[in-house]
Every structure is written in C-alpha cells, then in structure tokens.
Amino acid sequence: MEKTEILSKIKEVEQKVEEDIKSAEEEKRKVILEAKEKAREIISNAEKEAEKIKNEIIEKAKVEIEKEKESIREKRLKEINDVVSKGKSRIDEAVDFLYQEFVGSI
C-alpha cells in the first residue's frame, strides 16, 4: 500500500469517526430533549394529581364540618327546647304561687 493510499484511508477513517461523533452527539441531544419532555410531563401529571387529591381532601373536610355543625346545632336546639318546655311546665306553678301569695296578702 502506498503512502497516499494510507493517508487517504486515515482521512476516511477520521472522517467516519467525526461523523460518528456528530451522530452520537445528535442522538445524545435527542435523548436529553426526550427525557426533559418526559420529566415535564411526569411533573405536570403529578401536580394535577396532587391538586385532585387536595380538592378531594378539602371536600371531605367540608362535609365533615357540615355534619359537625349540624350535630352541634341539633344539640343546642334540643337544649333550648328543653329549657322552653321546662319553663312552660313551670308557668302554672308560678301562677299558682303568685295567686297564693296575692290571696294571702289580702
């Protein structure tokens, strides 16, 4: 093999190596871009899921709060009604007492 042939072969190999390097770098950039896009998609989906879960938790809490408020309201209303009933039942006693006191003072 002549010197010029050897030099030509070396140049061909160098050129091939440079093309392979460029191709590998392009593939690397492509893979990195795809990975970044996939990461953005995963983050976006996770944020959407977190928002959904947060809203579910808030709604459940609101339902529980409403139940508790209704329970307290019912308990207080019963207490008020008991006091009113007790007061009404004692009206006759109070009237009798006042009548007796009035009659006794005359």
Protein backbone atom coordinates (compact mmCIF):
# COMPACT_ATOMS: atom_id res chain seq x y z
CA MET A 1 0.00 0.00 0.00
CA GLU A 2 1.31 3.37 -0.92
CA LYS A 3 1.73 6.29 1.36
CA THR A 4 -1.02 8.24 -0.38
CA GLU A 5 -3.41 5.33 -0.05
CA ILE A 6 -2.60 5.02 3.63
CA LEU A 7 -3.13 8.75 4.13
CA SER A 8 -6.39 8.53 2.21
CA LYS A 9 -7.55 5.63 4.34
CA ILE A 10 -6.60 7.52 7.51
CA LYS A 11 -8.55 10.53 6.29
CA GLU A 12 -11.55 8.33 5.53
CA VAL A 13 -11.38 6.78 8.98
CA GLU A 14 -11.01 10.21 10.62
CA GLN A 15 -13.97 11.48 8.63
CA LYS A 16 -16.00 8.43 9.62
CA VAL A 17 -15.07 8.94 13.28
CA GLU A 18 -16.09 12.62 13.09
CA GLU A 19 -19.44 11.64 11.52
CA ASP A 20 -19.97 9.02 14.21
CA ILE A 21 -19.17 11.59 16.92
CA LYS A 22 -21.61 14.11 15.39
CA SER A 23 -24.25 11.41 15.10
CA ALA A 24 -23.69 10.35 18.71
CA GLU A 25 -23.89 13.97 19.90
CA GLU A 26 -27.12 14.47 17.94
CA GLU A 27 -28.54 11.27 19.43
CA LYS A 28 -27.45 12.46 22.90
CA ARG A 29 -29.25 15.80 22.43
CA LYS A 30 -32.33 13.98 21.17
CA VAL A 31 -32.36 11.62 24.17
CA ILE A 32 -31.86 14.53 26.59
CA LEU A 33 -34.72 16.50 24.99
CA GLU A 34 -36.99 13.47 25.16
CA ALA A 35 -36.04 12.89 28.82
CA LYS A 36 -36.72 16.54 29.67
CA GLU A 37 -40.10 16.41 27.93
CA LYS A 38 -40.96 13.19 29.74
CA ALA A 39 -39.89 14.75 33.06
CA ARG A 40 -42.10 17.82 32.37
CA GLU A 41 -45.00 15.52 31.58
CA ILE A 42 -44.47 13.49 34.77
CA ILE A 43 -44.25 16.67 36.87
CA SER A 44 -47.38 18.08 35.23
CA ASN A 45 -49.31 14.87 35.84
CA ALA A 46 -48.10 14.73 39.44
CA GLU A 47 -49.20 18.34 40.01
CA LYS A 48 -52.63 17.60 38.52
CA GLU A 49 -52.97 14.51 40.70
CA ALA A 50 -51.88 16.44 43.80
CA GLU A 51 -54.46 19.15 43.02
CA LYS A 52 -57.14 16.49 42.60
CA ILE A 53 -56.23 14.84 45.91
CA LYS A 54 -56.13 18.23 47.66
CA ASN A 55 -59.61 19.06 46.36
CA GLU A 56 -60.94 15.68 47.48
CA ILE A 57 -59.50 16.19 50.97
CA ILE A 58 -60.98 19.69 51.17
CA GLU A 59 -64.40 18.44 50.06
CA LYS A 60 -64.34 15.62 52.61
CA ALA A 61 -63.35 18.09 55.32
CA LYS A 62 -66.20 20.41 54.31
CA VAL A 63 -68.69 17.53 54.53
CA GLU A 64 -67.36 16.57 57.97
CA ILE A 65 -67.52 20.18 59.15
CA GLU A 66 -71.11 20.48 57.96
CA LYS A 67 -72.03 17.26 59.77
CA GLU A 68 -70.39 18.52 62.95
CA LYS A 69 -72.11 21.92 62.64
CA GLU A 70 -75.48 20.21 62.16
CA SER A 71 -74.85 17.96 65.14
CA ILE A 72 -73.98 20.95 67.34
CA ARG A 73 -76.98 22.88 66.00
CA GLU A 74 -79.33 19.98 66.77
CA LYS A 75 -77.85 19.55 70.27
CA ARG A 76 -78.23 23.26 71.07
CA LEU A 77 -81.77 23.34 69.66
CA LYS A 78 -82.70 20.39 71.87
CA GLU A 79 -81.23 22.17 74.90
CA ILE A 80 -83.22 25.31 74.05
CA ASN A 81 -86.40 23.31 73.56
CA ASP A 82 -85.83 21.55 76.90
CA VAL A 83 -85.43 24.89 78.67
CA VAL A 84 -88.55 26.26 76.95
CA SER A 85 -90.56 23.14 77.85
CA LYS A 86 -89.35 23.27 81.43
CA GLY A 87 -90.27 26.94 81.60
CA LYS A 88 -93.73 26.33 80.15
CA SER A 89 -94.39 23.49 82.56
CA ARG A 90 -93.47 25.73 85.50
CA ILE A 91 -95.71 28.62 84.39
CA ASP A 92 -98.71 27.02 86.10
CA GLU A 93 -96.67 26.59 89.29
CA ALA A 94 -95.57 30.23 89.15
CA VAL A 95 -99.13 31.44 88.55
CA ASP A 96 -100.42 29.33 91.46
CA PHE A 97 -97.63 30.60 93.70
CA LEU A 98 -98.29 34.23 92.80
CA TYR A 99 -102.04 33.73 93.25
CA GLN A 100 -101.50 32.14 96.67
CA GLU A 101 -99.18 34.98 97.68
CA PHE A 102 -101.67 37.54 96.45
CA VAL A 103 -104.59 35.88 98.22
CA GLY A 104 -102.51 35.50 101.36
CA SER A 105 -101.62 39.17 101.35
CA ILE A 106 -105.22 40.34 101.17
